[in-house]
Amino acid sequence: MAEAIVDLQSVTFSYDGQAPALEDVSLKIAPGEFASIVGPNGGGKTTLVRLMLGLLHPQKGTVKLFGQQPEKTRLFVGYTPQLLRVDRLFPITVGDVVLTGRLGGARNKEVSFVGRLFWRYSRQDRTEAAAAMEQMGIADLANRTFGSLSGGQRQRVLIARALCSRPKLLILDEPTNNVDPSSVEQFYHLLEELNRTVAILIVSHDLGVVSRCVQSVICVNQRVVVHPTSEFDGRAIREIYGGDLKMIRHDHRCSEGGHLFEGEHLI
């Protein structure tokens, strides 16, 4: 069996001595996996990702990324943040945004820095950026300003930015925010294609993002429970979510005691 690309063992983390944001978390993500992190706001989703990347350090337990300390290997991760409001008049082009994904420190030896404020991209950088834009179907937008794009187009640009560094794991934070509902299905088809060459981890608070291509669901609310998904078809599901989804099933990957609930929240 291939070594897990993300491996957390008995991890507990607290902010400034407060109650644990995450407690006794054990989690493995396999090469090529397509998983979704879901949970309520404040449940620990962002904390979990930051621990995976070595941006936070647990008080207890261990975190490995590609078998090493995350600080040494997090450059193998492409990260796409939530879409934020941008100044539509800011004159940065799509091509320029994607090229910033090549500023990977030790991973990109060919970037030539001039002084402290300027740098030159190499021919290889531009080749990789062009390939990533082509892969995301946005090559024709290269000279458009980022602020002039629709939400779905911006999301594709940010993913292209992450892909041009050739990551082994792609983490997408709320990837369907500001994406037109009619484009969501096409967007997931695109992610399914990307999953052929890179592991994908989607972060969301909405179980509705769990499409048919997701292999497992990571439920986060201070503690973490992982579920594989099983296919479920039906008119009710299509009416609620607008397409066929996979529903969570309980099996051997659940904890022995199953989930505990307090009100409507998983604990």
Protein backbone atom coordinates (compact mmCIF):
# COMPACT_ATOMS: atom_id res chain seq x y z
CA MET A 1 0.00 0.00 0.00
CA ALA A 2 1.33 3.44 -0.95
CA GLU A 3 2.37 5.74 1.88
CA ALA A 4 -0.24 8.33 2.86
CA ILE A 5 0.47 11.80 1.51
CA VAL A 6 -1.14 13.33 4.62
CA ASP A 7 -0.87 11.52 7.94
CA LEU A 8 -2.12 12.95 11.25
CA GLN A 9 -1.80 10.80 14.37
CA SER A 10 -3.58 11.68 17.64
CA VAL A 11 -3.33 15.42 16.96
CA THR A 12 -4.68 17.99 19.41
CA PHE A 13 -4.43 21.73 18.83
CA SER A 14 -5.58 24.74 20.89
CA TYR A 15 -5.28 28.47 20.25
CA ASP A 16 -3.62 30.30 23.16
CA GLY A 17 -4.66 27.84 25.82
CA GLN A 18 -8.33 27.86 24.85
CA ALA A 19 -10.50 24.78 24.49
CA PRO A 20 -9.15 22.49 21.77
CA ALA A 21 -10.02 23.51 18.22
CA LEU A 22 -9.17 19.93 17.24
CA GLU A 23 -8.82 17.02 19.63
CA ASP A 24 -7.30 13.56 19.18
CA VAL A 25 -7.47 13.70 15.38
CA SER A 26 -6.10 10.84 13.30
CA LEU A 27 -6.43 11.07 9.53
CA LYS A 28 -4.76 9.68 6.42
CA ILE A 29 -5.15 10.85 2.83
CA ALA A 30 -3.95 8.45 0.15
CA PRO A 31 -2.22 9.34 -3.14
CA GLY A 32 -4.80 10.11 -5.80
CA GLU A 33 -7.67 10.45 -3.32
CA PHE A 34 -10.53 12.89 -3.86
CA ALA A 35 -11.97 13.90 -0.49
CA SER A 36 -14.14 16.63 0.96
CA ILE A 37 -13.77 18.27 4.37
CA VAL A 38 -17.16 19.34 5.71
CA GLY A 39 -18.33 20.78 8.99
CA PRO A 40 -19.90 23.81 10.64
CA ASN A 41 -18.26 27.22 10.78
CA GLY A 42 -15.77 27.22 13.65
CA GLY A 43 -15.61 23.44 13.65
CA GLY A 44 -11.90 23.30 12.81
CA LYS A 45 -11.74 22.90 9.02
CA THR A 46 -9.26 25.74 8.50
CA THR A 47 -7.21 24.65 11.51
CA LEU A 48 -6.98 21.14 10.08
CA VAL A 49 -5.64 22.43 6.75
CA ARG A 50 -3.12 24.70 8.47
CA LEU A 51 -1.85 21.76 10.49
CA MET A 52 -1.47 19.70 7.30
CA LEU A 53 0.64 22.48 5.78
CA GLY A 54 2.79 23.02 8.85
CA LEU A 55 1.47 26.56 9.35
CA LEU A 56 0.34 25.47 12.81
CA HIS A 57 1.99 22.94 15.13
CA PRO A 58 0.00 20.56 17.36
CA GLN A 59 0.38 20.49 21.13
CA LYS A 60 0.00 16.71 20.93
CA GLY A 61 0.43 14.16 18.17
CA THR A 62 2.29 14.17 14.86
CA VAL A 63 1.66 15.56 11.37
CA LYS A 64 3.41 14.24 8.27
CA LEU A 65 3.09 15.58 4.73
CA PHE A 66 4.50 13.24 2.06
CA GLY A 67 6.24 11.33 4.85
CA GLN A 68 8.12 14.33 6.23
CA GLN A 69 7.64 17.42 8.35
CA PRO A 70 5.15 19.66 6.51
CA GLU A 71 7.60 22.56 6.38
CA LYS A 72 9.84 20.50 4.12
CA THR A 73 7.21 19.28 1.66
CA ARG A 74 4.28 21.74 1.62
CA LEU A 75 5.56 23.15 -1.68
CA PHE A 76 4.14 19.98 -3.21
CA VAL A 77 0.68 21.31 -2.34
CA GLY A 78 -1.30 23.67 -4.55
CA TYR A 79 -3.72 25.79 -2.51
CA THR A 80 -6.72 27.70 -3.85
CA PRO A 81 -8.27 30.13 -1.35
CA GLN A 82 -11.86 31.24 -1.08
CA LEU A 83 -12.79 33.87 -3.64
CA LEU A 84 -12.66 37.35 -2.16
CA ARG A 85 -13.83 40.67 -3.48
CA VAL A 86 -11.20 42.31 -5.64
CA ASP A 87 -10.82 45.79 -7.01
CA ARG A 88 -12.03 45.43 -10.58
CA LEU A 89 -9.77 48.32 -11.58
CA PHE A 90 -6.59 46.65 -10.31
CA PRO A 91 -4.64 46.02 -13.52
CA ILE A 92 -3.35 42.51 -12.97
CA THR A 93 -3.96 40.12 -15.85
CA VAL A 94 -5.01 36.49 -15.71
CA GLY A 95 -1.58 35.48 -17.04
CA ASP A 96 0.15 37.42 -14.27
CA VAL A 97 -2.00 35.81 -11.58
CA VAL A 98 -1.25 32.31 -12.86
CA LEU A 99 2.48 33.05 -13.11
CA THR A 100 2.65 33.87 -9.38
CA GLY A 101 2.08 30.17 -8.78
CA ARG A 102 5.65 29.63 -9.99
CA LEU A 103 7.10 31.58 -7.07
CA GLY A 104 7.74 28.40 -5.16
CA GLY A 105 11.04 29.16 -3.48
CA ALA A 106 13.32 26.13 -3.63
CA ARG A 107 10.99 24.39 -6.10
CA ASN A 108 11.63 27.06 -8.68
CA LYS A 109 15.35 27.67 -9.06
CA GLU A 110 14.93 29.52 -12.34
CA VAL A 111 13.10 32.62 -11.08
CA SER A 112 15.54 35.50 -11.35
CA PHE A 113 15.13 38.09 -8.59
CA VAL A 114 16.37 41.59 -9.33
CA GLY A 115 16.86 43.70 -6.23
CA ARG A 116 14.22 43.25 -3.56
CA LEU A 117 11.05 44.15 -5.42
CA PHE A 118 11.28 42.75 -8.93
CA TRP A 119 11.81 39.39 -10.56
CA ARG A 120 11.88 37.85 -13.99
CA TYR A 121 10.08 34.67 -14.89
CA SER A 122 11.94 32.11 -16.95
CA ARG A 123 10.79 30.60 -20.22
CA GLN A 124 9.95 27.42 -18.30
CA ASP A 125 7.75 29.40 -15.90
CA ARG A 126 5.78 30.87 -18.79
CA THR A 127 5.49 27.46 -20.45
CA GLU A 128 4.08 25.90 -17.27
CA ALA A 129 1.66 28.80 -16.74
CA ALA A 130 0.43 28.55 -20.34
CA ALA A 131 -0.07 24.78 -19.96
CA ALA A 132 -2.05 25.27 -16.73
CA MET A 133 -4.30 27.88 -18.37
CA GLU A 134 -4.87 25.57 -21.32
CA GLN A 135 -5.71 22.71 -18.94
CA MET A 136 -8.29 24.91 -17.17
CA GLY A 137 -9.77 26.18 -20.43
CA ILE A 138 -8.81 29.81 -19.82
CA ALA A 139 -5.97 30.31 -22.32
CA ASP A 140 -8.10 32.86 -24.18
CA LEU A 141 -8.39 34.93 -20.98
CA ALA A 142 -4.64 35.39 -20.44
CA ASN A 143 -4.68 39.12 -21.24
CA ARG A 144 -7.95 39.91 -19.46
CA THR A 145 -7.82 41.63 -16.08
CA PHE A 146 -8.59 39.33 -13.17
CA GLY A 147 -11.16 41.77 -11.76
CA SER A 148 -13.24 41.67 -14.94
CA LEU A 149 -13.93 37.93 -14.73
CA SER A 150 -16.97 36.11 -13.43
CA GLY A 151 -16.75 34.11 -10.20
CA GLY A 152 -16.42 30.82 -12.06
CA GLN A 153 -13.69 32.19 -14.30
CA ARG A 154 -11.74 33.52 -11.32
CA GLN A 155 -11.94 30.12 -9.67
CA ARG A 156 -10.44 28.51 -12.76
CA VAL A 157 -7.65 31.09 -12.75
CA LEU A 158 -6.80 30.36 -9.12
CA ILE A 159 -6.74 26.63 -9.78
CA ALA A 160 -4.47 27.19 -12.80
CA ARG A 161 -2.21 29.22 -10.51
CA ALA A 162 -2.00 26.25 -8.13
CA LEU A 163 -1.49 23.72 -10.94
CA CYS A 164 1.40 25.48 -12.65
CA SER A 165 3.71 24.45 -9.80
CA ARG A 166 2.88 20.79 -10.57
CA PRO A 167 1.50 19.89 -7.11
CA LYS A 168 0.86 16.37 -5.84
CA LEU A 169 -2.05 17.55 -3.68
CA LEU A 170 -4.56 20.27 -4.55
CA ILE A 171 -6.51 21.88 -1.69
CA LEU A 172 -9.56 23.92 -2.68
CA ASP A 173 -11.25 26.13 -0.09
CA GLU A 174 -15.00 26.56 -0.80
CA PRO A 175 -14.44 26.10 -4.56
CA THR A 176 -18.08 26.56 -5.59
CA ASN A 177 -18.56 29.90 -3.83
CA ASN A 178 -19.52 32.56 -6.39
CA VAL A 179 -19.79 29.93 -9.12
CA ASP A 180 -23.04 30.08 -11.08
CA PRO A 181 -25.23 27.09 -10.11
CA SER A 182 -25.57 26.12 -13.76
CA SER A 183 -21.76 25.81 -13.96
CA VAL A 184 -21.22 23.73 -10.82
CA GLU A 185 -21.72 20.38 -12.56
CA GLN A 186 -19.22 21.32 -15.26
CA PHE A 187 -16.81 22.47 -12.58
CA TYR A 188 -16.93 19.09 -10.86
CA HIS A 189 -16.39 17.31 -14.16
CA LEU A 190 -13.22 19.39 -14.47
CA LEU A 191 -12.06 18.39 -10.99
CA GLU A 192 -12.73 14.75 -11.83
CA GLU A 193 -10.37 15.09 -14.78
CA LEU A 194 -7.71 16.77 -12.63
CA ASN A 195 -8.00 13.96 -10.08
CA ARG A 196 -6.45 11.59 -12.61
CA THR A 197 -3.06 13.19 -11.93
CA VAL A 198 -3.35 14.91 -8.53
CA ALA A 199 -5.02 14.21 -5.19
CA ILE A 200 -7.76 16.72 -4.39
CA LEU A 201 -9.08 17.91 -1.04
CA ILE A 202 -12.14 20.21 -1.02
CA VAL A 203 -12.89 22.26 2.10
CA SER A 204 -16.53 23.18 2.64
CA HIS A 205 -19.20 23.75 5.28
CA ASP A 206 -21.88 22.48 2.92
CA LEU A 207 -22.51 18.76 2.40
CA GLY A 208 -24.00 19.67 -0.96
CA VAL A 209 -20.50 19.93 -2.47
CA VAL A 210 -20.07 16.16 -2.10
CA SER A 211 -20.53 15.21 -5.75
CA ARG A 212 -20.31 11.80 -7.36
CA CYS A 213 -16.54 12.11 -7.87
CA VAL A 214 -15.71 12.48 -4.15
CA GLN A 215 -14.42 9.24 -2.63
CA SER A 216 -14.63 10.12 1.05
CA VAL A 217 -16.02 12.77 3.37
CA ILE A 218 -14.00 14.10 6.30
CA CYS A 219 -16.42 15.40 8.94
CA VAL A 220 -14.80 18.01 11.20
CA ASN A 221 -16.23 19.45 14.39
CA GLN A 222 -13.39 19.45 16.94
CA ARG A 223 -13.04 15.76 16.29
CA VAL A 224 -12.70 14.12 12.88
CA VAL A 225 -14.60 11.16 11.45
CA VAL A 226 -14.01 9.88 7.88
CA HIS A 227 -16.70 8.27 5.75
CA PRO A 228 -16.46 6.73 2.29
CA THR A 229 -19.35 7.75 0.06
CA SER A 230 -21.87 5.51 -1.63
CA GLU A 231 -23.91 6.36 -4.69
CA PHE A 232 -27.46 7.37 -4.13
CA ASP A 233 -29.90 8.30 -6.93
CA GLY A 234 -33.37 9.70 -6.54
CA ARG A 235 -35.71 12.50 -7.44
CA ALA A 236 -35.57 13.98 -3.93
CA ILE A 237 -31.78 14.27 -4.06
CA ARG A 238 -31.90 15.89 -7.50
CA GLU A 239 -34.52 18.36 -6.28
CA ILE A 240 -32.46 19.33 -3.26
CA TYR A 241 -29.00 19.48 -4.82
CA GLY A 242 -29.64 19.77 -8.55
CA GLY A 243 -27.85 16.51 -9.47
CA ASP A 244 -26.97 12.99 -8.41
CA LEU A 245 -24.92 12.95 -5.24
CA LYS A 246 -23.17 10.44 -3.07
CA MET A 247 -24.63 10.09 0.39
CA ILE A 248 -22.55 9.24 3.46
CA ARG A 249 -22.69 5.67 4.65
CA HIS A 250 -21.48 4.36 8.01
CA ASP A 251 -19.04 1.46 7.82
CA HIS A 252 -15.65 0.26 9.03
CA ARG A 253 -14.01 3.71 8.65
CA CYS A 254 -16.33 5.22 11.26
CA SER A 255 -15.40 5.25 14.93
CA GLU A 256 -16.63 2.29 16.96
CA GLY A 257 -19.20 4.44 18.68
CA GLY A 258 -20.36 6.21 15.53
CA HIS A 259 -21.13 9.93 15.60
CA LEU A 260 -22.29 11.77 18.68
CA PHE A 261 -24.67 14.69 18.15
CA GLU A 262 -25.55 17.69 20.27
CA GLY A 263 -28.50 19.53 18.80
CA GLU A 264 -27.90 19.49 15.04
CA HIS A 265 -24.12 19.49 15.21
CA LEU A 266 -21.65 16.65 14.95
CA ILE A 267 -19.33 16.44 17.95
